[in-house]
Amino acid sequence: MVNKPKPVFLLAGGRRAIHVSPDPLIQAVFRECGVASPVVAYVGTAHGDDRGFFSFMANFLLEAGAAKVNHALISQEKADLKKAQEILSSADAVYVGGGDVEEGIRILEKKGMVDYLRGLYENGKLFFGVSAGAIMLAKKWVRWRDPDDDSSAEFFPCLGFAPIICDTHGEQAWEELKVALKLADEGEKGYGIVSGTALKVFSTGEVHAMGGSIHQFILQKSKVIRISDIQPFF
């Protein structure tokens, strides 16, 4: 029997992560697993599988109730991808860490891991990510051929498990999110995940805010307009 895809959790990290442990947002993610103390597989391609990043976040996940956090090493030139796949397939949930969105996706594509991760998602594996990792789980993001020229901006595909466009930590102006939306289709919405909040995204595109209000924008007549915030369930 094939399982249905679970909701994807996109977290901004930040305020809550600094001041509250265990983090109730992470605990809410774990409850979705249906396992009291889930085993978490860690994907760190956005930061080159840096062990310091892994150690910090692994401790945070353990404090929130994870039974174990296993690092699925992918970035290194001679990474054992079979072992990484075993770690990913045996976990109750897959965490995608922060760093650089484009680099994180580039490595997954280079190592042929995108389709493998998609298969896990489609068969019911729970995925969640923080900051750049959250954006990697969405459908696409923006890059600049010339960082000083917004007209050089273009989309590149992400994993697409959350069928939306989103950004994290940009609550001062959401400049990158607005540039991304200007490249999108008329009527497309974009979501600004404020530091310390999260967005629960269903495969249908339905979204629920967690931990605080989520900023919401829409492209109308070639203009990006902010519309009403999405209010949290808790």
Protein backbone atom coordinates (compact mmCIF):
# COMPACT_ATOMS: atom_id res chain seq x y z
CA MET A 1 0.00 0.00 0.00
CA VAL A 2 1.38 3.41 -1.01
CA ASN A 3 1.11 6.14 1.59
CA LYS A 4 -0.12 9.63 0.76
CA PRO A 5 2.31 12.56 1.01
CA LYS A 6 2.41 14.19 4.43
CA PRO A 7 2.31 17.97 4.91
CA VAL A 8 5.67 19.71 4.59
CA PHE A 9 6.82 22.03 7.37
CA LEU A 10 8.76 25.17 6.46
CA LEU A 11 10.37 26.91 9.44
CA ALA A 12 12.18 30.23 9.58
CA GLY A 13 14.00 29.58 12.84
CA GLY A 14 15.22 32.59 14.76
CA ARG A 15 13.46 34.16 17.72
CA ARG A 16 11.83 31.00 19.04
CA ALA A 17 14.92 28.87 18.43
CA ILE A 18 17.03 31.27 20.51
CA HIS A 19 14.70 31.65 23.47
CA VAL A 20 12.67 28.46 23.76
CA SER A 21 13.87 24.89 24.04
CA PRO A 22 12.36 22.45 23.40
CA ASP A 23 10.84 24.30 20.46
CA PRO A 24 7.06 23.76 20.27
CA LEU A 25 7.16 24.13 16.47
CA ILE A 26 9.61 21.25 16.13
CA GLN A 27 7.51 19.25 18.57
CA ALA A 28 4.44 19.89 16.39
CA VAL A 29 6.37 18.60 13.40
CA PHE A 30 7.31 15.45 15.29
CA ARG A 31 3.70 14.80 16.27
CA GLU A 32 2.84 14.66 12.57
CA CYS A 33 5.20 11.66 12.26
CA GLY A 34 2.94 9.57 14.44
CA VAL A 35 6.01 8.41 16.39
CA ALA A 36 6.63 9.52 19.96
CA SER A 37 10.39 9.93 19.50
CA PRO A 38 11.19 9.99 15.77
CA VAL A 39 14.48 9.17 14.13
CA VAL A 40 15.48 12.13 11.96
CA ALA A 41 17.67 12.04 8.85
CA TYR A 42 19.65 15.25 8.33
CA VAL A 43 20.31 16.69 4.84
CA GLY A 44 22.96 19.42 4.94
CA THR A 45 23.85 20.08 1.31
CA ALA A 46 23.00 23.79 1.68
CA HIS A 47 25.98 24.17 4.01
CA GLY A 48 28.29 21.55 2.50
CA ASP A 49 27.47 19.05 5.26
CA ASP A 50 29.48 21.10 7.74
CA ARG A 51 29.76 19.05 10.93
CA GLY A 52 29.51 22.09 13.18
CA PHE A 53 26.15 23.06 11.67
CA PHE A 54 25.00 19.46 11.99
CA SER A 55 26.07 19.17 15.63
CA PHE A 56 24.27 22.37 16.62
CA MET A 57 21.00 21.48 14.93
CA ALA A 58 21.12 17.82 15.91
CA ASN A 59 21.28 18.82 19.58
CA PHE A 60 18.32 21.15 19.06
CA LEU A 61 16.26 18.37 17.44
CA LEU A 62 17.18 15.94 20.23
CA GLU A 63 16.01 18.47 22.83
CA ALA A 64 12.69 18.69 20.98
CA GLY A 65 12.18 14.94 21.31
CA ALA A 66 14.01 13.21 18.47
CA ALA A 67 15.28 9.76 19.42
CA LYS A 68 18.27 10.09 17.10
CA VAL A 69 19.54 12.40 14.35
CA ASN A 70 21.58 10.73 11.60
CA HIS A 71 23.64 12.78 9.14
CA ALA A 72 22.98 11.64 5.56
CA LEU A 73 26.29 12.83 4.08
CA ILE A 74 25.89 13.80 0.43
CA SER A 75 28.11 16.81 -0.34
CA GLN A 76 31.57 15.28 -0.24
CA GLU A 77 33.08 14.16 -3.54
CA LYS A 78 33.36 10.55 -2.34
CA ALA A 79 30.19 10.52 -0.23
CA ASP A 80 28.66 7.07 0.25
CA LEU A 81 25.30 7.76 -1.37
CA LYS A 82 24.02 4.25 -0.72
CA LYS A 83 24.58 4.79 3.01
CA ALA A 84 22.93 8.21 2.78
CA GLN A 85 19.89 6.64 1.12
CA GLU A 86 19.69 3.99 3.83
CA ILE A 87 19.72 6.71 6.51
CA LEU A 88 17.00 8.64 4.68
CA SER A 89 14.75 5.66 3.99
CA SER A 90 14.93 4.33 7.56
CA ALA A 91 14.16 7.68 9.23
CA ASP A 92 10.75 8.78 10.44
CA ALA A 93 11.37 12.33 9.18
CA VAL A 94 13.86 14.16 6.95
CA TYR A 95 15.25 17.52 8.01
CA VAL A 96 16.75 19.88 5.39
CA GLY A 97 19.22 22.33 6.91
CA GLY A 98 19.93 25.96 6.13
CA GLY A 99 22.70 27.66 4.22
CA ASP A 100 22.65 28.48 0.51
CA VAL A 101 19.50 27.46 -1.38
CA GLU A 102 21.04 27.26 -4.85
CA GLU A 103 24.10 25.34 -3.67
CA GLY A 104 21.96 22.92 -1.69
CA ILE A 105 19.84 22.10 -4.74
CA ARG A 106 22.87 21.98 -7.06
CA ILE A 107 24.52 19.28 -4.96
CA LEU A 108 21.35 17.21 -4.72
CA GLU A 109 21.00 17.37 -8.51
CA LYS A 110 24.68 16.59 -9.09
CA LYS A 111 24.50 13.53 -6.84
CA GLY A 112 21.26 12.29 -8.38
CA MET A 113 19.40 12.57 -5.08
CA VAL A 114 16.41 14.70 -6.13
CA ASP A 115 14.34 11.83 -7.54
CA TYR A 116 15.25 9.64 -4.56
CA LEU A 117 14.02 12.28 -2.11
CA ARG A 118 10.89 12.83 -4.19
CA GLY A 119 10.11 9.12 -4.01
CA LEU A 120 10.38 9.22 -0.22
CA TYR A 121 8.09 12.24 -0.04
CA GLU A 122 5.48 10.74 -2.38
CA ASN A 123 5.41 7.57 -0.30
CA GLY A 124 4.64 9.38 2.95
CA LYS A 125 7.99 10.42 4.44
CA LEU A 126 7.69 13.60 6.48
CA PHE A 127 9.96 16.47 5.40
CA PHE A 128 10.73 19.70 7.23
CA GLY A 129 13.34 22.39 6.75
CA VAL A 130 14.65 25.57 8.32
CA SER A 131 15.60 28.82 6.54
CA ALA A 132 17.30 27.92 3.24
CA GLY A 133 16.21 24.33 3.82
CA ALA A 134 12.59 25.49 3.90
CA ILE A 135 13.00 27.29 0.57
CA MET A 136 14.62 24.17 -0.92
CA LEU A 137 11.46 22.23 -0.10
CA ALA A 138 9.29 24.74 -2.00
CA LYS A 139 8.82 24.68 -5.78
CA LYS A 140 11.33 27.29 -6.99
CA TRP A 141 13.55 30.16 -5.98
CA VAL A 142 15.29 33.11 -7.61
CA ARG A 143 18.92 33.79 -8.54
CA TRP A 144 20.63 36.71 -10.24
CA ARG A 145 23.01 36.46 -13.19
CA ASP A 146 24.15 39.93 -12.07
CA PRO A 147 23.60 40.55 -8.33
CA ASP A 148 23.39 44.31 -8.96
CA ASP A 149 20.68 44.05 -11.63
CA ASP A 150 17.18 42.82 -10.76
CA SER A 151 16.40 42.44 -14.46
CA SER A 152 18.88 39.53 -14.49
CA ALA A 153 16.80 37.58 -11.96
CA GLU A 154 15.57 34.13 -12.97
CA PHE A 155 13.89 31.14 -11.35
CA PHE A 156 15.55 27.81 -10.69
CA PRO A 157 13.64 24.70 -9.57
CA CYS A 158 13.68 23.43 -6.00
CA LEU A 159 12.35 20.13 -4.65
CA GLY A 160 8.72 21.16 -5.01
CA PHE A 161 7.32 19.11 -2.14
CA ALA A 162 5.60 22.30 -0.93
CA PRO A 163 3.95 23.66 -4.11
CA ILE A 164 4.45 27.32 -3.22
CA ILE A 165 6.94 30.21 -3.42
CA CYS A 166 8.28 31.33 -0.04
CA ASP A 167 11.08 33.16 1.70
CA THR A 168 12.31 33.24 5.30
CA HIS A 169 13.67 35.94 7.63
CA GLY A 170 12.95 38.84 5.25
CA GLU A 171 10.34 40.57 7.37
CA GLN A 172 12.00 43.98 7.07
CA ALA A 173 11.17 44.24 3.34
CA TRP A 174 10.90 40.79 1.69
CA GLU A 175 12.91 42.13 -1.25
CA GLU A 176 13.93 38.74 -2.68
CA LEU A 177 10.42 37.35 -2.36
CA LYS A 178 9.02 40.34 -4.25
CA VAL A 179 11.57 39.89 -7.05
CA ALA A 180 10.62 36.21 -7.26
CA LEU A 181 6.92 36.99 -7.49
CA LYS A 182 7.50 39.45 -10.34
CA LEU A 183 8.76 36.46 -12.35
CA ALA A 184 5.71 34.37 -11.46
CA ASP A 185 2.33 33.97 -13.15
CA GLU A 186 -0.46 36.47 -12.59
CA GLY A 187 -2.27 35.70 -9.34
CA GLU A 188 0.61 33.70 -7.85
CA LYS A 189 0.98 34.06 -4.09
CA GLY A 190 4.18 34.23 -2.11
CA TYR A 191 4.65 33.60 1.59
CA GLY A 192 7.02 35.39 3.93
CA ILE A 193 7.85 33.09 6.83
CA VAL A 194 8.74 35.41 9.68
CA SER A 195 11.58 34.49 12.06
CA GLY A 196 10.28 32.16 14.75
CA THR A 197 7.27 30.98 12.74
CA ALA A 198 6.48 28.12 10.39
CA LEU A 199 4.22 27.25 7.48
CA LYS A 200 2.52 23.87 7.20
CA VAL A 201 1.95 23.15 3.51
CA PHE A 202 -0.27 20.40 2.14
CA SER A 203 0.23 18.76 -1.27
CA THR A 204 -2.85 20.68 -2.49
CA GLY A 205 -1.14 24.00 -1.76
CA GLU A 206 -3.28 24.70 1.31
CA VAL A 207 -1.22 26.49 3.97
CA HIS A 208 -1.51 26.87 7.74
CA ALA A 209 0.52 29.33 9.83
CA MET A 210 2.25 28.14 13.00
CA GLY A 211 3.81 30.13 15.81
CA GLY A 212 2.85 33.55 14.46
CA SER A 213 1.48 35.41 11.47
CA ILE A 214 2.81 34.60 7.99
CA HIS A 215 3.10 37.50 5.55
CA GLN A 216 1.30 36.97 2.27
CA PHE A 217 1.79 38.62 -1.12
CA ILE A 218 0.17 38.27 -4.55
CA LEU A 219 1.13 39.28 -8.08
CA GLN A 220 -1.64 41.42 -9.58
CA LYS A 221 -1.28 43.36 -12.84
CA SER A 222 2.50 43.02 -12.69
CA LYS A 223 2.62 44.45 -9.18
CA VAL A 224 3.41 42.60 -5.96
CA ILE A 225 0.79 43.48 -3.37
CA ARG A 226 0.74 42.50 0.28
CA ILE A 227 -2.57 41.00 1.32
CA SER A 228 -3.88 39.87 4.70
CA ASP A 229 -1.53 37.85 6.90
CA ILE A 230 -2.23 34.19 7.54
CA GLN A 231 -3.02 33.82 11.22
CA PRO A 232 -1.62 30.91 13.23
CA PHE A 233 -3.45 27.90 14.56
CA PHE A 234 -1.25 28.24 17.66
